[in-house]
Amino acid sequence: MNEHILLAYVHSASALQRIPLPAAQAERVAAHLQRTAAMAALLDAAELAPHDEVVEIYCPAPFPPEAPTTAAEPKGQTHER
């Protein structure tokens, strides 16, 4: 990505959100954004198959937490403790 385009984007985004951003800070933000875009391009170019994904699928814990069951208790039934 062109650094001038990224710098213009950073200035536009900060102005849109009404965040004052000095020129030196805007240049640092644009540099970080350029590095992030480069890393994303590397990941995007990697040829991976679905089985290459090692992260487990997110499964949130039940809320409110369920009381643990014992082997003698059928699942879903708990006794007072």
Protein backbone atom coordinates (compact mmCIF):
# COMPACT_ATOMS: atom_id res chain seq x y z
CA MET A 1 0.00 0.00 0.00
CA ASN A 2 1.13 3.50 -0.74
CA GLU A 3 2.27 5.32 2.40
CA HIS A 4 0.65 8.58 1.22
CA ILE A 5 -2.70 6.84 0.85
CA LEU A 6 -2.39 5.30 4.32
CA LEU A 7 -1.44 8.65 5.85
CA ALA A 8 -4.44 10.29 4.20
CA TYR A 9 -6.63 7.47 5.55
CA VAL A 10 -5.27 7.95 9.09
CA HIS A 11 -5.93 11.70 8.93
CA SER A 12 -9.44 11.13 7.56
CA ALA A 13 -10.30 8.48 10.14
CA SER A 14 -9.04 10.59 13.04
CA ALA A 15 -10.93 13.65 11.78
CA LEU A 16 -14.12 11.63 11.32
CA GLN A 17 -13.87 10.42 14.92
CA ARG A 18 -12.85 13.88 16.13
CA ILE A 19 -9.56 12.56 17.53
CA PRO A 20 -6.82 15.18 17.44
CA LEU A 21 -3.75 13.59 15.89
CA PRO A 22 -0.48 15.52 15.49
CA ALA A 23 1.37 14.91 12.21
CA ALA A 24 4.19 12.90 13.83
CA GLN A 25 1.71 10.61 15.58
CA ALA A 26 -0.32 10.19 12.39
CA GLU A 27 2.85 9.08 10.57
CA ARG A 28 3.53 6.47 13.28
CA VAL A 29 -0.05 5.19 13.07
CA ALA A 30 0.24 4.95 9.28
CA ALA A 31 3.53 3.04 9.60
CA HIS A 32 1.91 0.53 12.00
CA LEU A 33 -1.07 0.19 9.66
CA GLN A 34 1.29 -0.46 6.74
CA ARG A 35 3.07 -3.20 8.73
CA THR A 36 -0.27 -4.73 9.70
CA ALA A 37 -1.38 -4.74 6.06
CA ALA A 38 1.89 -6.44 5.08
CA MET A 39 1.38 -9.16 7.71
CA ALA A 40 -2.22 -9.66 6.58
CA ALA A 41 -1.03 -10.03 2.97
CA LEU A 42 1.43 -12.75 4.04
CA LEU A 43 -1.33 -14.65 5.84
CA ASP A 44 -3.70 -14.18 2.93
CA ALA A 45 -1.11 -15.61 0.52
CA ALA A 46 -0.48 -18.72 2.63
CA GLU A 47 -2.06 -21.79 1.06
CA LEU A 48 -3.82 -23.54 3.92
CA ALA A 49 -6.44 -26.26 3.87
CA PRO A 50 -9.23 -26.38 6.46
CA HIS A 51 -7.44 -29.23 8.30
CA ASP A 52 -4.41 -26.95 8.81
CA GLU A 53 -6.41 -24.87 11.29
CA VAL A 54 -5.39 -26.05 14.76
CA VAL A 55 -7.51 -23.71 16.86
CA GLU A 56 -10.53 -25.28 18.50
CA ILE A 57 -13.96 -23.89 17.73
CA TYR A 58 -15.03 -21.44 20.42
CA CYS A 59 -17.72 -22.88 22.65
CA PRO A 60 -18.79 -20.53 25.44
CA ALA A 61 -19.38 -21.94 28.90
CA PRO A 62 -23.02 -22.17 29.97
CA PHE A 63 -24.33 -19.17 31.86
CA PRO A 64 -25.14 -19.34 34.66
CA PRO A 65 -22.63 -22.10 35.31
CA GLU A 66 -24.16 -25.53 35.68
CA ALA A 67 -23.44 -27.50 38.83
CA PRO A 68 -21.09 -30.45 38.22
CA THR A 69 -22.72 -33.86 38.07
CA THR A 70 -21.38 -37.08 39.52
CA ALA A 71 -21.39 -40.56 37.95
CA ALA A 72 -24.41 -41.53 40.10
CA GLU A 73 -26.45 -38.57 38.92
CA PRO A 74 -28.01 -38.47 35.46
CA LYS A 75 -26.86 -35.50 33.44
CA GLY A 76 -28.96 -32.43 34.11
CA GLN A 77 -29.97 -33.55 37.63
CA THR A 78 -27.99 -32.39 40.63
CA HIS A 79 -28.61 -32.63 44.33
CA GLU A 80 -28.32 -29.90 46.94
CA ARG A 81 -24.94 -29.66 48.62
